[in-house]
C-alpha atoms as a PDB file:
ATOM      1  CA  UNK A   1      -7.665   7.056 -12.642  1.00  0.00           C
ATOM      2  CA  UNK A   2      -7.405   3.956 -10.775  1.00  0.00           C
ATOM      3  CA  UNK A   3      -6.046   1.044 -12.883  1.00  0.00           C
ATOM      4  CA  UNK A   4      -5.037  -2.436 -12.260  1.00  0.00           C
ATOM      5  CA  UNK A   5      -1.435  -2.861 -11.088  1.00  0.00           C
ATOM      6  CA  UNK A   6       1.367  -3.055 -13.718  1.00  0.00           C
ATOM      7  CA  UNK A   7       4.425  -4.365 -11.773  1.00  0.00           C
ATOM      8  CA  UNK A   8       6.809  -2.995 -13.916  1.00  0.00           C
ATOM      9  CA  UNK A   9       5.568   0.415 -13.473  1.00  0.00           C
ATOM     10  CA  UNK A  10       5.476  -0.041  -9.793  1.00  0.00           C
ATOM     11  CA  UNK A  11       8.658  -1.217  -9.539  1.00  0.00           C
ATOM     12  CA  UNK A  12       9.804   1.750 -11.478  1.00  0.00           C
ATOM     13  CA  UNK A  13       8.052   4.060  -9.194  1.00  0.00           C
ATOM     14  CA  UNK A  14       9.363   2.132  -5.908  1.00  0.00           C
ATOM     15  CA  UNK A  15      12.924   2.758  -7.248  1.00  0.00           C
ATOM     16  CA  UNK A  16      12.546   6.561  -7.916  1.00  0.00           C
ATOM     17  CA  UNK A  17      11.563   7.031  -4.106  1.00  0.00           C
ATOM     18  CA  UNK A  18      14.150   4.718  -2.607  1.00  0.00           C
ATOM     19  CA  UNK A  19      17.154   6.223  -0.587  1.00  0.00           C
ATOM     20  CA  UNK A  20      15.339   9.514   0.539  1.00  0.00           C
ATOM     21  CA  UNK A  21      12.836  10.534   3.085  1.00  0.00           C
ATOM     22  CA  UNK A  22       9.071   9.691   2.052  1.00  0.00           C
ATOM     23  CA  UNK A  23       5.766   9.756   3.801  1.00  0.00           C
ATOM     24  CA  UNK A  24       4.106   6.715   4.047  1.00  0.00           C
ATOM     25  CA  UNK A  25       0.260   6.108   4.562  1.00  0.00           C
ATOM     26  CA  UNK A  26      -0.270   2.398   5.332  1.00  0.00           C
ATOM     27  CA  UNK A  27      -3.854   1.191   6.287  1.00  0.00           C
ATOM     28  CA  UNK A  28      -5.431  -2.251   6.465  1.00  0.00           C
ATOM     29  CA  UNK A  29      -8.892  -3.425   7.446  1.00  0.00           C
ATOM     30  CA  UNK A  30     -10.753  -6.567   7.572  1.00  0.00           C
ATOM     31  CA  UNK A  31     -14.134  -5.142   8.331  1.00  0.00           C
ATOM     32  CA  UNK A  32     -13.666  -3.400  11.560  1.00  0.00           C
ATOM     33  CA  UNK A  33     -16.440  -0.824  10.901  1.00  0.00           C
ATOM     34  CA  UNK A  34     -18.985  -3.634   9.810  1.00  0.00           C
ATOM     35  CA  UNK A  35     -18.372  -6.207  12.332  1.00  0.00           C
ATOM     36  CA  UNK A  36     -21.388  -5.143  14.238  1.00  0.00           C
ATOM     37  CA  UNK A  37     -23.659  -6.638  11.566  1.00  0.00           C
ATOM     38  CA  UNK A  38     -21.925 -10.079  11.434  1.00  0.00           C
ATOM     39  CA  UNK A  39     -20.568 -11.310  14.843  1.00  0.00           C
ATOM     40  CA  UNK A  40     -18.745 -14.088  13.120  1.00  0.00           C
ATOM     41  CA  UNK A  41     -16.362 -11.550  11.739  1.00  0.00           C
ATOM     42  CA  UNK A  42     -13.007 -10.677  13.670  1.00  0.00           C
ATOM     43  CA  UNK A  43     -12.515  -6.849  13.370  1.00  0.00           C
ATOM     44  CA  UNK A  44      -9.005  -5.874  12.883  1.00  0.00           C
ATOM     45  CA  UNK A  45      -7.654  -2.479  11.278  1.00  0.00           C
ATOM     46  CA  UNK A  46      -4.288  -0.979  10.805  1.00  0.00           C
ATOM     47  CA  UNK A  47      -3.603   2.779  10.243  1.00  0.00           C
ATOM     48  CA  UNK A  48      -0.310   4.906  10.057  1.00  0.00           C
ATOM     49  CA  UNK A  49      -0.240   8.215   7.990  1.00  0.00           C
ATOM     50  CA  UNK A  50       2.404  10.965   7.409  1.00  0.00           C
ATOM     51  CA  UNK A  51       5.234   8.888   8.928  1.00  0.00           C
ATOM     52  CA  UNK A  52       8.797   9.475   7.585  1.00  0.00           C
ATOM     53  CA  UNK A  53      10.509   6.402   6.295  1.00  0.00           C
ATOM     54  CA  UNK A  54      13.690   5.629   3.986  1.00  0.00           C
ATOM     55  CA  UNK A  55      13.924   2.408   2.357  1.00  0.00           C
ATOM     56  CA  UNK A  56      17.037   1.068   0.399  1.00  0.00           C
ATOM     57  CA  UNK A  57      15.306  -1.378  -1.373  1.00  0.00           C
ATOM     58  CA  UNK A  58      11.458  -1.937  -2.664  1.00  0.00           C
ATOM     59  CA  UNK A  59       9.938  -4.579  -4.448  1.00  0.00           C
ATOM     60  CA  UNK A  60       6.864  -5.630  -5.852  1.00  0.00           C
ATOM     61  CA  UNK A  61       6.095  -9.475  -6.398  1.00  0.00           C
ATOM     62  CA  UNK A  62       3.308 -11.740  -6.768  1.00  0.00           C
ATOM     63  CA  UNK A  63       1.082 -12.555  -9.712  1.00  0.00           C
ATOM     64  CA  UNK A  64      -2.013 -10.487  -8.113  1.00  0.00           C
ATOM     65  CA  UNK A  65      -3.092  -9.745  -5.528  1.00  0.00           C
ATOM     66  CA  UNK A  66       0.568  -8.217  -5.318  1.00  0.00           C
ATOM     67  CA  UNK A  67       2.867  -7.667  -2.376  1.00  0.00           C
ATOM     68  CA  UNK A  68       5.312  -4.773  -1.699  1.00  0.00           C
ATOM     69  CA  UNK A  69       8.320  -4.699   0.685  1.00  0.00           C
ATOM     70  CA  UNK A  70      10.307  -1.764   1.856  1.00  0.00           C
ATOM     71  CA  UNK A  71      13.674  -2.701   3.199  1.00  0.00           C
ATOM     72  CA  UNK A  72      14.853  -0.079   5.914  1.00  0.00           C
ATOM     73  CA  UNK A  73      17.932   0.354   8.006  1.00  0.00           C
ATOM     74  CA  UNK A  74      15.998  -1.031  10.917  1.00  0.00           C
ATOM     75  CA  UNK A  75      13.475  -3.342   9.574  1.00  0.00           C
ATOM     76  CA  UNK A  76      10.619  -3.816   7.067  1.00  0.00           C
ATOM     77  CA  UNK A  77       7.143  -2.182   5.882  1.00  0.00           C
ATOM     78  CA  UNK A  78       5.342  -5.333   3.901  1.00  0.00           C
ATOM     79  CA  UNK A  79       1.765  -4.723   2.237  1.00  0.00           C
ATOM     80  CA  UNK A  80       0.121  -7.742   0.717  1.00  0.00           C
ATOM     81  CA  UNK A  81      -3.096  -8.076  -1.252  1.00  0.00           C
ATOM     82  CA  UNK A  82      -2.544  -4.882  -3.616  1.00  0.00           C
ATOM     83  CA  UNK A  83      -4.716  -4.977  -6.573  1.00  0.00           C
ATOM     84  CA  UNK A  84      -4.744  -1.309  -8.245  1.00  0.00           C
ATOM     85  CA  UNK A  85      -2.718   1.865  -8.441  1.00  0.00           C
ATOM     86  CA  UNK A  86      -3.632   5.573  -9.158  1.00  0.00           C
ATOM     87  CA  UNK A  87      -1.916   6.259 -12.497  1.00  0.00           C
ATOM     88  CA  UNK A  88      -2.726  10.029 -12.599  1.00  0.00           C
ATOM     89  CA  UNK A  89      -0.350  10.630  -9.455  1.00  0.00           C
ATOM     90  CA  UNK A  90       3.027  10.276 -10.928  1.00  0.00           C
ATOM     91  CA  UNK A  91       4.723  12.129  -8.150  1.00  0.00           C
ATOM     92  CA  UNK A  92       3.081   9.770  -5.524  1.00  0.00           C
ATOM     93  CA  UNK A  93       2.887   5.889  -5.377  1.00  0.00           C
ATOM     94  CA  UNK A  94      -0.983   5.126  -4.437  1.00  0.00           C
ATOM     95  CA  UNK A  95      -1.494   1.545  -4.089  1.00  0.00           C
ATOM     96  CA  UNK A  96      -4.790  -0.188  -3.055  1.00  0.00           C
ATOM     97  CA  UNK A  97      -6.099  -3.607  -2.559  1.00  0.00           C
ATOM     98  CA  UNK A  98      -9.980  -4.403  -3.365  1.00  0.00           C
ATOM     99  CA  UNK A  99     -12.029  -7.527  -2.371  1.00  0.00           C
ATOM    100  CA  UNK A 100     -14.316  -9.463  -4.549  1.00  0.00           C
ATOM    101  CA  UNK A 101     -16.985  -6.679  -3.766  1.00  0.00           C
ATOM    102  CA  UNK A 102     -14.652  -3.945  -4.573  1.00  0.00           C
ATOM    103  CA  UNK A 103     -14.333  -2.853  -1.211  1.00  0.00           C
ATOM    104  CA  UNK A 104     -10.896  -1.291  -0.112  1.00  0.00           C
ATOM    105  CA  UNK A 105      -9.080  -3.684   2.017  1.00  0.00           C
ATOM    106  CA  UNK A 106      -5.439  -2.392   2.019  1.00  0.00           C
ATOM    107  CA  UNK A 107      -3.628   0.729   1.114  1.00  0.00           C
ATOM    108  CA  UNK A 108      -0.067   1.536   0.746  1.00  0.00           C
ATOM    109  CA  UNK A 109       0.947   4.999  -0.256  1.00  0.00           C
ATOM    110  CA  UNK A 110       4.389   6.769  -0.707  1.00  0.00           C
ATOM    111  CA  UNK A 111       5.162  10.563  -1.397  1.00  0.00           C
ATOM    112  CA  UNK A 112       7.814  13.139  -1.069  1.00  0.00           C
ATOM    113  CA  UNK A 113       5.111  15.343   0.441  1.00  0.00           C
ATOM    114  CA  UNK A 114       2.534  14.625   3.351  1.00  0.00           C
ATOM    115  CA  UNK A 115      -0.884  13.466   2.522  1.00  0.00           C
END
């Protein structure tokens, strides 16, 4: 079941996955698939899935939409615009950001198992 983000719960889950190999799924779109309907929109998208990362510190911040940062040995993973999470997946952290029309704009997912 998808729920509005509860920062304390997300922080708990981030802490439970740190310092170990985890699979990441990260995607973002500003309407790349629908840009042909409105030429004034700049199409942009990002997608990575099942890459293995390890982070030493993960944190959630903001008042909604939220930001999540993951500090790795050689850089950062950062995702902004997150609004919801899937509470029925206790072993995986599945976060999503939806726009005012309810369309998915950003997704950040972490798991010990591939997606």
